[in-house]
Protein backbone atom coordinates (compact mmCIF):
# COMPACT_ATOMS: atom_id res chain seq x y z
CA MET A 1 129.98 120.13 61.53
CA ARG A 2 128.54 120.02 64.94
CA LYS A 3 124.99 119.22 63.93
CA PRO A 4 125.60 115.85 62.28
CA THR A 5 127.92 114.76 65.29
CA LYS A 6 124.94 115.40 67.31
CA VAL A 7 122.55 113.37 65.39
CA LEU A 8 124.90 110.48 65.24
CA LEU A 9 125.39 110.63 68.81
CA THR A 10 121.50 110.75 69.49
CA LEU A 11 121.03 107.73 67.21
CA ALA A 12 123.70 105.81 68.89
CA VAL A 13 122.01 106.16 72.50
CA SER A 14 118.71 105.58 71.20
CA ALA A 15 119.83 102.16 69.81
CA ALA A 16 121.63 101.16 73.01
CA LEU A 17 118.59 102.11 74.97
CA ALA A 18 116.54 99.97 72.66
CA THR A 19 118.41 96.95 73.13
CA ALA A 20 119.52 96.94 76.54
CA PRO A 21 117.19 95.64 79.33
CA ALA A 22 115.44 97.96 81.43
CA ALA A 23 116.35 98.51 85.00
CA GLY A 24 114.66 96.05 87.25
CA ALA A 25 113.53 93.92 84.21
CA SER A 26 112.84 90.41 85.17
CA GLY A 27 115.81 89.17 83.23
CA ALA A 28 118.12 91.06 85.58
CA PHE A 29 117.38 88.19 88.36
CA PRO A 30 117.63 84.53 87.98
CA ASP A 31 114.18 82.46 88.16
CA LEU A 32 115.71 80.17 90.72
CA VAL A 33 118.01 80.54 93.51
CA PRO A 34 119.48 77.12 94.25
CA LEU A 35 119.69 75.96 97.79
CA PRO A 36 121.96 72.94 98.70
CA ASP A 37 120.72 69.48 97.77
CA GLY A 38 118.82 67.74 100.67
CA TRP A 39 118.25 71.15 102.39
CA GLN A 40 114.60 70.44 103.16
CA ALA A 41 113.58 74.13 103.03
CA GLU A 42 110.52 75.55 104.42
CA GLY A 43 110.90 79.11 105.47
CA VAL A 44 112.16 82.20 103.13
CA ALA A 45 113.04 85.84 104.15
CA VAL A 46 114.35 88.73 102.23
CA GLY A 47 116.79 90.95 104.09
CA SER A 48 119.07 93.91 103.20
CA GLY A 49 120.16 94.55 99.88
CA THR A 50 119.41 91.73 97.60
CA SER A 51 119.96 88.96 100.62
CA VAL A 52 117.60 86.35 100.91
CA TYR A 53 117.57 83.29 103.66
CA ALA A 54 116.27 79.89 103.69
CA GLY A 55 116.02 77.63 106.72
CA SER A 56 116.50 73.85 106.94
CA LEU A 57 113.84 71.75 108.50
CA ALA A 58 116.42 68.71 108.40
CA THR A 59 119.34 70.47 110.57
CA GLY A 60 118.15 73.97 111.74
CA ALA A 61 120.78 75.59 109.41
CA VAL A 62 119.99 78.79 107.46
CA TYR A 63 121.27 79.53 104.01
CA LYS A 64 121.99 83.04 102.79
CA ALA A 65 122.02 83.88 98.90
CA ASP A 66 122.14 86.80 96.59
CA LEU A 67 118.74 87.20 94.63
CA ARG A 68 120.67 89.09 91.81
CA THR A 69 123.44 86.43 91.38
CA GLY A 70 121.95 83.29 92.70
CA ALA A 71 125.16 82.50 94.61
CA GLY A 72 125.03 81.79 98.33
CA GLU A 73 126.46 79.67 101.41
CA VAL A 74 125.60 78.32 104.75
CA LEU A 75 125.27 81.15 107.14
CA VAL A 76 124.04 79.37 110.30
CA PRO A 77 125.59 75.81 110.53
CA ALA A 78 123.55 72.64 111.24
CA THR A 79 123.05 72.07 115.08
CA ASP A 80 121.93 69.02 116.54
CA GLY A 81 118.37 69.02 117.79
CA ARG A 82 117.43 72.28 115.86
CA ILE A 83 115.12 72.62 112.82
CA ALA A 84 114.42 75.99 110.89
CA VAL A 85 110.72 76.57 109.99
CA GLY A 86 109.51 80.33 109.36
CA LEU A 87 112.05 83.09 109.56
CA LYS A 88 112.01 86.94 109.29
CA GLU A 89 114.93 89.41 109.03
CA SER A 90 114.76 92.92 110.50
CA ARG A 91 117.53 95.64 111.42
CA GLY A 92 120.29 93.02 110.83
CA LEU A 93 118.88 90.05 113.12
CA LEU A 94 117.17 86.85 111.75
CA PHE A 95 114.21 85.47 113.64
CA VAL A 96 113.74 81.78 113.33
CA ALA A 97 110.96 79.39 114.42
CA GLY A 98 111.97 76.27 115.80
CA GLY A 99 109.15 73.71 115.08
CA PRO A 100 108.72 70.89 117.46
CA THR A 101 111.66 72.14 119.63
CA GLY A 102 109.23 74.76 121.11
CA GLN A 103 112.17 77.18 120.66
CA ALA A 104 112.79 80.58 118.76
CA TYR A 105 116.14 81.51 117.57
CA VAL A 106 117.69 84.98 117.02
CA TYR A 107 120.83 85.09 114.67
CA ASP A 108 123.21 87.92 113.48
CA ALA A 109 121.92 88.19 109.97
CA ALA A 110 125.45 89.12 108.62
CA THR A 111 127.67 86.69 110.52
CA GLY A 112 125.26 83.85 111.66
CA ALA A 113 126.29 84.32 115.26
CA GLU A 114 123.59 83.28 117.83
CA VAL A 115 121.94 86.18 119.60
CA GLU A 116 119.29 84.75 121.59
CA THR A 117 117.43 81.34 122.04
CA TYR A 118 114.09 81.25 123.66
CA GLN A 119 112.15 78.25 125.11
CA LEU A 120 108.60 79.05 124.01
CA ALA A 121 106.83 75.94 124.65
CA GLY A 122 107.12 72.54 125.90
CA PRO A 123 106.38 69.10 124.25
CA GLY A 124 103.54 68.94 121.92
CA ALA A 125 104.16 72.36 120.31
CA PHE A 126 105.24 73.31 116.75
CA VAL A 127 106.43 76.66 116.59
CA ASN A 128 105.90 77.39 113.00
CA ASP A 129 106.08 81.01 111.73
CA VAL A 130 107.04 84.64 112.79
CA THR A 131 106.30 88.03 112.01
CA LEU A 132 107.81 91.29 113.54
CA THR A 133 106.22 94.40 114.90
CA ARG A 134 107.88 97.59 116.26
CA GLU A 135 107.24 96.11 119.77
CA ALA A 136 107.24 92.43 119.44
CA ALA A 137 108.52 89.27 117.57
CA TRP A 138 105.07 86.95 117.16
CA PHE A 139 105.45 83.24 116.73
CA THR A 140 102.56 80.90 115.82
CA ASP A 141 102.04 77.22 117.24
CA SER A 142 100.36 74.91 114.74
CA PHE A 143 99.50 72.32 117.63
CA GLN A 144 98.47 74.75 120.25
CA PRO A 145 95.77 77.93 120.10
CA THR A 146 98.66 79.95 121.26
CA LEU A 147 100.86 82.83 119.98
CA TYR A 148 104.01 83.67 121.35
CA ARG A 149 105.44 86.98 122.16
CA VAL A 150 109.14 87.94 122.35
CA PRO A 151 109.45 91.70 123.34
CA LEU A 152 111.80 94.02 121.30
CA ARG A 153 113.17 97.36 121.90
CA ASN A 154 114.60 99.09 118.76
CA GLY A 155 114.47 95.77 117.07
CA VAL A 156 116.21 93.93 119.63
CA PRO A 157 115.02 91.30 122.00
CA ALA A 158 114.43 92.88 125.25
CA GLY A 159 112.59 90.62 127.70
CA GLU A 160 110.91 87.31 128.47
CA PRO A 161 108.84 85.63 126.08
CA GLU A 162 104.98 85.38 126.97
CA ALA A 163 102.36 82.89 125.66
CA VAL A 164 99.08 84.73 124.40
CA PRO A 165 96.22 82.18 124.00
CA LEU A 166 94.03 82.46 120.91
CA THR A 167 90.47 83.21 122.06
CA GLY A 168 87.25 84.66 120.47
CA GLU A 169 86.18 82.88 117.24
CA TRP A 170 89.38 80.85 116.74
CA VAL A 171 88.58 77.19 116.17
CA GLN A 172 91.31 74.58 117.09
CA ALA A 173 90.81 71.40 115.02
CA ASP A 174 92.69 68.06 114.88
CA GLY A 175 95.99 68.35 113.18
CA PHE A 176 97.91 71.33 111.91
CA ASN A 177 96.30 74.74 112.92
CA ALA A 178 97.97 78.24 113.16
CA ASN A 179 100.46 78.52 110.37
CA GLY A 180 101.35 81.71 108.52
CA ILE A 181 101.26 85.05 110.55
CA ALA A 182 101.53 88.65 109.43
CA ALA A 183 101.27 91.99 111.16
CA THR A 184 99.71 95.40 109.95
CA PRO A 185 102.14 98.05 109.63
CA ASN A 186 101.22 99.72 112.90
CA GLY A 187 101.17 96.56 114.66
CA ALA A 188 97.60 97.06 115.82
CA ALA A 189 96.41 93.62 114.25
CA LEU A 190 97.82 90.23 113.36
CA LEU A 191 96.58 88.06 110.66
CA VAL A 192 96.64 84.31 111.22
CA ILE A 193 95.89 81.47 108.70
CA ASN A 194 94.71 78.04 109.95
CA SER A 195 96.01 75.47 107.66
CA GLY A 196 93.64 72.82 108.52
CA THR A 197 90.29 74.78 108.47
CA GLY A 198 91.51 77.16 105.76
CA THR A 199 90.15 79.86 107.87
CA LEU A 200 91.88 83.50 108.14
CA TYR A 201 91.69 85.14 111.31
CA ARG A 202 92.31 88.85 112.53
CA VAL A 203 93.92 88.84 115.95
CA ASP A 204 94.10 91.52 118.51
CA PRO A 205 97.69 91.28 120.00
CA ARG A 206 96.86 92.83 123.28
CA THR A 207 94.20 90.11 124.10
CA GLY A 208 94.45 87.35 121.73
CA GLU A 209 91.13 87.62 120.60
CA ALA A 210 90.62 86.17 117.18
CA THR A 211 87.86 87.31 114.66
CA GLU A 212 87.27 85.40 111.54
CA VAL A 213 87.97 87.38 108.26
CA ALA A 214 85.19 86.56 105.70
CA THR A 215 86.68 85.34 102.55
CA ASP A 216 85.28 84.28 99.01
CA THR A 217 87.74 81.63 98.23
CA GLU A 218 89.07 78.33 99.74
CA LEU A 219 92.35 78.77 101.71
CA THR A 220 92.78 75.18 103.05
CA ALA A 221 96.38 74.35 102.73
CA GLY A 222 97.26 77.74 103.75
CA ASP A 223 100.89 78.14 104.69
CA GLY A 224 103.06 81.31 104.76
CA ILE A 225 101.33 84.80 104.27
CA LEU A 226 102.83 88.11 103.10
CA LEU A 227 101.10 91.36 103.63
CA GLN A 228 101.73 94.41 101.45
CA GLY A 229 99.37 97.26 102.10
CA ARG A 230 95.87 95.81 101.83
CA GLU A 231 97.04 92.73 99.54
CA LEU A 232 97.61 89.58 101.41
CA SER A 233 99.29 86.60 99.64
CA VAL A 234 98.52 83.07 100.84
CA VAL A 235 100.73 80.29 99.98
CA ARG A 236 98.58 77.03 99.35
CA ASN A 237 101.39 74.57 99.67
CA GLN A 238 100.31 71.27 98.18
CA LEU A 239 98.09 73.20 95.68
CA ASN A 240 101.26 74.66 94.16
CA GLU A 241 99.71 78.29 94.21
CA ILE A 242 99.48 81.61 95.78
CA ALA A 243 96.09 82.90 96.40
CA VAL A 244 96.27 86.83 96.32
CA LEU A 245 93.35 88.63 98.30
CA ARG A 246 92.41 92.26 98.88
CA LEU A 247 91.64 93.20 102.34
CA SER A 248 88.90 95.44 103.45
CA PRO A 249 90.08 98.54 105.30
CA ASP A 250 88.60 97.10 108.47
CA LEU A 251 90.27 93.65 107.88
CA SER A 252 86.77 92.07 108.28
CA SER A 253 86.90 90.57 104.87
CA ALA A 254 88.93 89.76 101.92
CA THR A 255 88.34 89.27 98.26
CA LEU A 256 90.47 87.11 95.69
CA VAL A 257 92.23 89.09 93.27
CA GLU A 258 94.12 86.47 91.52
CA THR A 259 95.80 83.23 91.95
CA LEU A 260 99.53 82.87 90.92
CA THR A 261 101.22 79.41 89.93
CA ASP A 262 104.41 78.85 88.41
CA PRO A 263 106.02 75.79 86.48
CA ASP A 264 108.67 75.71 89.03
CA PHE A 265 106.47 75.48 92.09
CA ALA A 266 107.16 72.08 93.91
CA VAL A 267 105.07 72.62 97.33
CA PRO A 268 105.93 76.15 97.99
CA THR A 269 105.43 76.93 101.60
CA THR A 270 106.33 80.59 102.34
CA VAL A 271 106.86 83.68 100.43
CA ALA A 272 108.81 87.02 100.56
CA SER A 273 108.85 89.95 98.38
CA PHE A 274 111.66 91.96 96.78
CA GLY A 275 110.70 94.87 94.71
CA SER A 276 107.77 94.02 92.52
CA SER A 277 108.76 90.14 92.58
CA LEU A 278 107.48 87.64 95.13
CA TYR A 279 109.91 84.86 96.05
CA ALA A 280 108.48 81.33 97.20
CA VAL A 281 110.73 78.53 98.61
CA ASN A 282 110.08 75.04 97.35
CA ALA A 283 109.59 72.46 100.42
CA ARG A 284 109.02 69.35 98.42
CA PHE A 285 107.17 67.66 100.96
CA GLY A 286 107.17 63.95 100.42
CA SER A 287 110.58 63.89 98.67
CA THR A 288 113.54 63.85 100.90
CA GLY A 289 116.87 62.47 100.62
CA PRO A 290 120.53 64.08 100.16
CA ASP A 291 120.21 64.22 96.33
CA VAL A 292 116.79 66.11 96.38
CA PRO A 293 117.29 69.58 94.76
CA TYR A 294 115.71 72.70 96.69
CA GLU A 295 115.25 76.25 95.27
CA ILE A 296 113.77 79.54 95.76
CA VAL A 297 111.48 80.46 93.15
CA ARG A 298 110.86 84.02 91.60
CA VAL A 299 107.27 83.75 90.82
CA ASP A 300 106.27 84.48 87.34
CA GLY A 301 102.44 84.34 87.90
CA SER A 302 101.70 81.95 85.10
């Protein structure tokens, strides 16, 4: 009598496994995480658990959502005179670039409380994006050939910021220049994309010396970048695509691996990762107004 029972149980379990979605399958997370209408999104960052953050160019506010459910709420309220461009989360803190204000902001990623505000630059600056190493938060300036370094100790701001001029092979063109920035895991090198020229640079954080990374593909309109191992994803905003490149071990060259698009792209600007998925935020440049929808897109790579 025990043998038939075992067979029936085995069949039942097998049937359940055959029909149930696999853990981590794409269907477990929504394709779109909606942001408030009129948000004017630009930056996106993934935090602890399944949390994701998106800043507002319009008000400087930051929205926090859940990648699993798509639900969210405003974490950092709108503040007169502020905008939020690129952002990164680490150790419970959210670092935000302040664009034309020349400022950088640090918020508590759980409560939205302001931790620090830094005046990195004066008029004529555009503090665009940020990356984090063990020792510093690094910010780009799209209008000045300069990076800004905010020292960190155990992940917490610990000193006054300093300006690090970009030298070496760096070419400053008219219009927008330094945009997305990423750091190698050991912090020994920074990667910076110049939006206007489409040039990718390796930067020595000790000196600011920039060396061009040879690439076999166009990277104009390069915006936010994401480094995972030796794989670099470069968002090309107006082209509605993400170029994925493989970096050489010495970071002297990069080869195009694939180009990702998505039917939900509407001028994506920056990208973050969760598990095996990429998440890009739609900025919808050129379409402003209180009723314009904004969203974070789980990239399907079509």
